[in-house]
Amino acid sequence: MAPPASLILMSPQSGRLEGRTIGAVLSEAAAALDAAGFDEPRRRARRLVAAALGLSATEIFAHPEWLLSEAHAAQIADILHRSLAHEPLSRIFGTREFWGLEFRLSADTLDPRPETETVVEAVLARVGDRRRPYRILDLGTGSGCLVLALLSELPSATGIGVDRAVGAAVAARGNAQALGLAGRAGFVVGDWAGAMAGRFDVVVANPPYIATGTIAGLAPEVRDFDPNLALDGGADGLAAYREIAAALPGLLVPGGLFAAELGAGQDAAVASILHNAGLAVDGFVDDLAGIARCVLARPLA
């Protein structure tokens, strides 16, 4: 198999690129990651090199002899330098796949994690007829991943995303346009539900749930690159749930559904907050690690 045209040397006789094969660069990257104490350095290096070159990890593994241009080698060196500082590849490239969709990130958006897909799965399992024109509200929308993932599965639904950060609302609007969902999605800047009027069939949220005093101890990939506004949940990590719960009775239609991501071990505390606000907890959904990751609630009849 021939390498892609973008990886062919312009002139092997120059000698400047001698030995700069994918295999050589991959080995150097893996050694640097290993020396810095990263887990699975070879796998990480393959992901890094593959992402930089726009290739699959399989191609990288199968064709170590492919030659790199100087520009590509320099690009990989820059990405490696940033990775050694614990910057996630999703931040370096500015994109993250979520629910099979590609989302652009910004400095004001949380980097969506796979466990957040638990919220999407939980809602879709409970809405019933997917052809109905549901109204969806996403509180703290960030990149818009929750509401846009739901709209991609519910063809007659419309959604509104709210975020306190202007940059997040702008990023979410751009993602809606890129995904062909802008006609059914709107985004506004506001403080949780304060800017909203009307009622919704579904309200979703991935609120900040990290206790303020523990943020400094988070992994640097999170602490240094996710916006603090999307992490800091107050002294006990539950401040956002209290604000949202207080607004839910006025936001949900009778029989409506609330679904929110939880931090590990927060299920009982959040259930109590929701109950005290006049909602009935409809259950929890575990993520793939067996952690209660999503809480579901409905207005009391």
Protein backbone atom coordinates (compact mmCIF):
# COMPACT_ATOMS: atom_id res chain seq x y z
CA MET A 1 0.00 0.00 0.00
CA ALA A 2 1.37 3.39 -1.00
CA PRO A 3 1.41 6.19 1.57
CA PRO A 4 -0.97 9.12 1.15
CA ALA A 5 0.43 11.79 -1.14
CA SER A 6 0.84 14.18 1.76
CA LEU A 7 3.43 11.87 3.35
CA ILE A 8 5.67 11.33 0.33
CA LEU A 9 9.09 13.03 0.50
CA MET A 10 9.63 15.83 -1.97
CA SER A 11 13.25 14.70 -2.49
CA PRO A 12 14.87 11.74 -0.73
CA GLN A 13 18.27 12.84 -2.09
CA SER A 14 18.31 15.94 0.10
CA GLY A 15 19.19 13.87 3.14
CA ARG A 16 17.40 16.31 5.42
CA LEU A 17 14.62 13.86 6.12
CA GLU A 18 16.69 10.73 6.32
CA GLY A 19 15.29 8.38 8.97
CA ARG A 20 12.20 10.49 9.64
CA THR A 21 9.81 7.64 9.17
CA ILE A 22 6.56 7.17 11.05
CA GLY A 23 8.22 4.36 12.98
CA ALA A 24 11.14 6.52 14.08
CA VAL A 25 8.95 9.42 15.16
CA LEU A 26 6.55 7.04 16.89
CA SER A 27 9.39 5.48 18.89
CA GLU A 28 10.71 8.89 19.93
CA ALA A 29 7.25 10.03 21.03
CA ALA A 30 6.65 6.84 23.00
CA ALA A 31 10.01 7.17 24.74
CA ALA A 32 9.29 10.77 25.73
CA LEU A 33 5.85 9.86 27.09
CA ASP A 34 7.31 6.89 28.98
CA ALA A 35 10.03 9.03 30.54
CA ALA A 36 7.37 11.52 31.66
CA GLY A 37 5.43 8.75 33.42
CA PHE A 38 2.42 8.44 31.13
CA ASP A 39 0.54 5.15 31.12
CA GLU A 40 0.60 3.08 27.92
CA PRO A 41 3.09 5.39 26.18
CA ARG A 42 3.17 3.40 22.93
CA ARG A 43 -0.62 3.50 22.57
CA ARG A 44 -0.68 7.21 23.42
CA ALA A 45 2.07 7.88 20.89
CA ARG A 46 0.14 6.02 18.17
CA ARG A 47 -2.97 8.10 18.88
CA LEU A 48 -0.94 11.31 18.86
CA VAL A 49 0.85 10.56 15.58
CA ALA A 50 -2.31 9.27 13.92
CA ALA A 51 -4.27 12.37 14.89
CA ALA A 52 -1.51 14.67 13.69
CA LEU A 53 -1.35 12.96 10.30
CA GLY A 54 -5.06 12.36 9.86
CA LEU A 55 -4.52 8.61 9.66
CA SER A 56 -5.95 5.68 11.57
CA ALA A 57 -4.00 3.99 14.35
CA THR A 58 -4.08 0.84 12.22
CA GLU A 59 -2.31 2.61 9.36
CA ILE A 60 0.30 3.99 11.74
CA PHE A 61 0.95 0.53 13.15
CA ALA A 62 1.00 -1.21 9.77
CA HIS A 63 3.25 1.23 7.90
CA PRO A 64 6.15 2.42 10.08
CA GLU A 65 8.28 2.83 6.93
CA TRP A 66 6.23 5.72 5.54
CA LEU A 67 8.31 8.87 5.33
CA LEU A 68 7.27 12.18 6.87
CA SER A 69 7.81 15.66 5.54
CA GLU A 70 9.69 18.08 7.74
CA ALA A 71 6.44 19.96 8.29
CA HIS A 72 4.70 16.85 9.56
CA ALA A 73 7.61 15.94 11.83
CA ALA A 74 7.60 19.47 13.27
CA GLN A 75 3.83 19.32 13.79
CA ILE A 76 4.14 16.05 15.68
CA ALA A 77 6.94 17.50 17.82
CA ASP A 78 4.71 20.45 18.76
CA ILE A 79 1.77 18.20 19.61
CA LEU A 80 4.04 15.96 21.67
CA HIS A 81 5.34 18.97 23.60
CA ARG A 82 1.79 20.02 24.43
CA SER A 83 0.80 16.46 25.32
CA LEU A 84 3.71 16.20 27.74
CA ALA A 85 2.18 19.23 29.48
CA HIS A 86 -1.01 17.11 29.83
CA GLU A 87 -3.02 19.02 27.26
CA PRO A 88 -5.61 16.56 25.87
CA LEU A 89 -5.59 15.84 22.15
CA SER A 90 -9.18 17.03 22.01
CA ARG A 91 -8.00 20.46 23.19
CA ILE A 92 -5.01 20.50 20.87
CA PHE A 93 -7.16 19.75 17.82
CA GLY A 94 -10.24 21.54 19.14
CA THR A 95 -12.68 18.72 18.51
CA ARG A 96 -14.28 15.85 20.41
CA GLU A 97 -16.48 13.03 19.19
CA PHE A 98 -19.63 12.59 21.25
CA TRP A 99 -22.56 10.31 20.40
CA GLY A 100 -20.93 9.68 17.02
CA LEU A 101 -20.98 13.42 16.22
CA GLU A 102 -18.04 15.80 16.01
CA PHE A 103 -18.13 18.84 18.29
CA ARG A 104 -15.87 21.84 18.14
CA LEU A 105 -14.57 22.93 21.52
CA SER A 106 -13.57 26.33 22.82
CA ALA A 107 -11.88 27.61 25.96
CA ASP A 108 -15.37 28.15 27.42
CA THR A 109 -16.68 24.63 26.83
CA LEU A 110 -16.23 21.51 28.87
CA ASP A 111 -14.57 18.68 26.98
CA PRO A 112 -17.40 16.11 26.76
CA ARG A 113 -16.53 12.72 28.24
CA PRO A 114 -17.94 9.33 27.19
CA GLU A 115 -19.74 8.94 30.53
CA THR A 116 -21.89 11.96 29.68
CA GLU A 117 -23.47 9.87 26.92
CA THR A 118 -25.25 8.08 29.79
CA VAL A 119 -27.59 11.08 29.99
CA VAL A 120 -28.48 10.82 26.30
CA GLU A 121 -29.07 7.07 26.59
CA ALA A 122 -31.27 7.53 29.65
CA VAL A 123 -33.47 10.15 28.00
CA LEU A 124 -33.90 8.18 24.78
CA ALA A 125 -34.88 5.09 26.77
CA ARG A 126 -37.72 7.01 28.44
CA VAL A 127 -39.20 9.44 25.92
CA GLY A 128 -41.34 6.88 24.10
CA ASP A 129 -42.34 7.85 20.56
CA ARG A 130 -39.26 9.46 19.04
CA ARG A 131 -41.36 11.21 16.36
CA ARG A 132 -43.11 13.50 18.82
CA PRO A 133 -42.24 17.25 18.82
CA TYR A 134 -40.54 17.33 22.21
CA ARG A 135 -39.25 20.60 23.63
CA ILE A 136 -35.83 20.12 25.20
CA LEU A 137 -33.91 22.45 27.50
CA ASP A 138 -30.18 21.98 28.13
CA LEU A 139 -28.90 23.87 31.18
CA GLY A 140 -25.18 24.63 31.09
CA THR A 141 -25.01 23.54 27.47
CA GLY A 142 -21.27 24.03 26.87
CA SER A 143 -20.52 22.64 23.41
CA GLY A 144 -24.21 21.78 23.01
CA CYS A 145 -23.42 18.08 23.02
CA LEU A 146 -26.42 16.94 25.08
CA VAL A 147 -29.18 18.82 23.32
CA LEU A 148 -27.69 18.29 19.85
CA ALA A 149 -27.17 14.57 20.41
CA LEU A 150 -30.82 14.31 21.45
CA LEU A 151 -32.02 16.33 18.46
CA SER A 152 -30.05 14.03 16.17
CA GLU A 153 -32.17 11.13 17.47
CA LEU A 154 -35.51 12.95 17.79
CA PRO A 155 -36.30 14.34 14.34
CA SER A 156 -39.33 16.45 15.35
CA ALA A 157 -37.87 17.82 18.59
CA THR A 158 -36.61 21.36 19.19
CA GLY A 159 -34.12 22.44 21.80
CA ILE A 160 -32.68 25.41 23.64
CA GLY A 161 -29.27 25.47 25.28
CA VAL A 162 -28.39 27.93 28.05
CA ASP A 163 -24.92 28.77 29.28
CA ARG A 164 -23.43 31.50 31.44
CA ALA A 165 -20.39 31.77 29.15
CA VAL A 166 -20.87 33.72 25.92
CA GLY A 167 -18.09 31.70 24.28
CA ALA A 168 -19.87 28.44 25.07
CA ALA A 169 -23.14 29.64 23.53
CA VAL A 170 -21.25 30.73 20.42
CA ALA A 171 -19.48 27.36 20.17
CA ALA A 172 -22.74 25.46 20.64
CA ARG A 173 -24.44 27.51 17.92
CA GLY A 174 -21.56 26.73 15.58
CA ASN A 175 -21.85 23.03 16.34
CA ALA A 176 -25.58 23.12 15.61
CA GLN A 177 -24.87 24.68 12.23
CA ALA A 178 -22.12 22.19 11.41
CA LEU A 179 -24.38 19.27 12.30
CA GLY A 180 -27.32 20.58 10.28
CA LEU A 181 -29.43 21.10 13.41
CA ALA A 182 -29.47 24.90 13.62
CA GLY A 183 -33.08 25.06 12.43
CA ARG A 184 -34.22 23.17 15.53
CA ALA A 185 -31.76 24.47 18.12
CA GLY A 186 -31.30 27.85 19.78
CA PHE A 187 -28.71 28.99 22.30
CA VAL A 188 -28.86 31.81 24.81
CA VAL A 189 -26.63 33.27 27.49
CA GLY A 190 -28.14 33.11 30.95
CA ASP A 191 -27.76 31.93 34.53
CA TRP A 192 -29.29 28.46 34.56
CA ALA A 193 -33.06 28.79 34.10
CA GLY A 194 -33.24 32.51 34.87
CA ALA A 195 -33.55 33.45 31.20
CA MET A 196 -36.20 30.87 30.36
CA ALA A 197 -39.96 31.07 30.03
CA GLY A 198 -42.37 28.29 29.17
CA ARG A 199 -42.24 24.61 29.92
CA PHE A 200 -40.33 21.72 28.44
CA ASP A 201 -40.85 18.01 27.95
CA VAL A 202 -37.23 17.24 28.78
CA VAL A 203 -34.64 19.19 30.78
CA VAL A 204 -31.05 17.93 30.73
CA ALA A 205 -27.93 19.19 32.46
CA ASN A 206 -24.30 18.37 33.08
CA PRO A 207 -23.74 20.90 35.86
CA PRO A 208 -20.44 21.63 37.61
CA TYR A 209 -20.22 19.11 40.45
CA ILE A 210 -16.63 19.25 41.73
CA ALA A 211 -16.27 20.60 45.27
CA THR A 212 -14.25 23.82 45.19
CA GLY A 213 -11.60 22.53 47.60
CA THR A 214 -10.82 19.46 45.49
CA ILE A 215 -10.31 21.14 42.11
CA ALA A 216 -6.60 21.66 42.74
CA GLY A 217 -6.19 17.90 43.08
CA LEU A 218 -7.82 17.01 39.77
CA ALA A 219 -5.83 15.51 36.92
CA PRO A 220 -4.05 18.31 35.06
CA GLU A 221 -5.88 17.37 31.85
CA VAL A 222 -9.07 18.53 33.59
CA ARG A 223 -7.86 21.14 36.07
CA ASP A 224 -5.69 23.07 33.63
CA PHE A 225 -7.72 22.83 30.43
CA ASP A 226 -11.43 22.63 31.28
CA PRO A 227 -13.06 25.96 32.24
CA ASN A 228 -13.36 26.41 35.99
CA LEU A 229 -16.92 27.64 35.51
CA ALA A 230 -17.85 24.17 34.25
CA LEU A 231 -16.10 22.37 37.12
CA ASP A 232 -16.68 24.30 40.33
CA GLY A 233 -19.83 23.09 42.08
CA GLY A 234 -19.35 25.11 45.25
CA ALA A 235 -18.23 24.03 48.70
CA ASP A 236 -19.88 20.60 48.52
CA GLY A 237 -20.16 20.24 44.76
CA LEU A 238 -23.96 20.47 44.87
CA ALA A 239 -24.66 24.19 44.45
CA ALA A 240 -25.76 23.91 40.83
CA TYR A 241 -28.16 21.05 41.59
CA ARG A 242 -29.88 23.19 44.23
CA GLU A 243 -30.35 26.08 41.80
CA ILE A 244 -31.59 23.84 39.01
CA ALA A 245 -33.91 21.81 41.28
CA ALA A 246 -35.59 24.96 42.56
CA ALA A 247 -36.46 25.95 38.98
CA LEU A 248 -37.57 22.56 37.68
CA PRO A 249 -41.22 22.62 38.86
CA GLY A 250 -41.73 25.71 36.71
CA LEU A 251 -39.82 24.32 33.74
CA LEU A 252 -41.21 20.82 33.26
CA VAL A 253 -44.58 19.97 31.78
CA PRO A 254 -46.67 17.51 33.83
CA GLY A 255 -44.97 14.15 33.41
CA GLY A 256 -41.86 15.83 31.99
CA LEU A 257 -38.40 14.37 32.47
CA PHE A 258 -35.27 15.77 34.08
CA ALA A 259 -31.94 14.01 33.46
CA ALA A 260 -28.59 15.19 34.79
CA GLU A 261 -25.07 13.90 35.09
CA LEU A 262 -23.77 13.16 38.59
CA GLY A 263 -20.37 13.06 40.18
CA ALA A 264 -19.33 9.76 41.74
CA GLY A 265 -21.15 9.17 45.03
CA GLN A 266 -23.54 12.11 44.66
CA ASP A 267 -26.69 10.09 43.92
CA ALA A 268 -28.22 10.14 47.42
CA ALA A 269 -27.50 13.84 48.00
CA VAL A 270 -28.91 14.91 44.65
CA ALA A 271 -31.98 12.70 45.14
CA SER A 272 -32.64 14.50 48.42
CA ILE A 273 -32.27 17.92 46.77
CA LEU A 274 -34.72 16.98 44.02
CA HIS A 275 -37.24 15.53 46.47
CA ASN A 276 -37.13 18.66 48.60
CA ALA A 277 -37.81 20.74 45.47
CA GLY A 278 -40.97 18.79 44.70
CA LEU A 279 -39.75 16.18 42.25
CA ALA A 280 -39.92 12.40 42.31
CA VAL A 281 -36.68 10.61 41.53
CA ASP A 282 -37.31 8.18 38.70
CA GLY A 283 -34.07 6.26 39.08
CA PHE A 284 -30.36 6.33 38.32
CA VAL A 285 -28.38 5.03 35.38
CA ASP A 286 -24.85 3.69 35.77
CA ASP A 287 -22.01 4.42 33.39
CA LEU A 288 -19.78 1.69 32.00
CA ALA A 289 -17.68 1.77 35.18
CA GLY A 290 -20.74 0.95 37.30
CA ILE A 291 -20.97 4.45 38.81
CA ALA A 292 -24.39 6.08 39.17
CA ARG A 293 -23.80 8.73 36.52
CA CYS A 294 -27.28 10.01 35.64
CA VAL A 295 -30.24 10.92 37.84
CA LEU A 296 -33.78 10.97 36.44
CA ALA A 297 -36.69 12.83 38.01
CA ARG A 298 -40.23 13.95 37.22
CA PRO A 299 -42.58 16.49 38.78
CA LEU A 300 -44.71 15.09 41.59
CA ALA A 301 -48.26 14.44 40.40
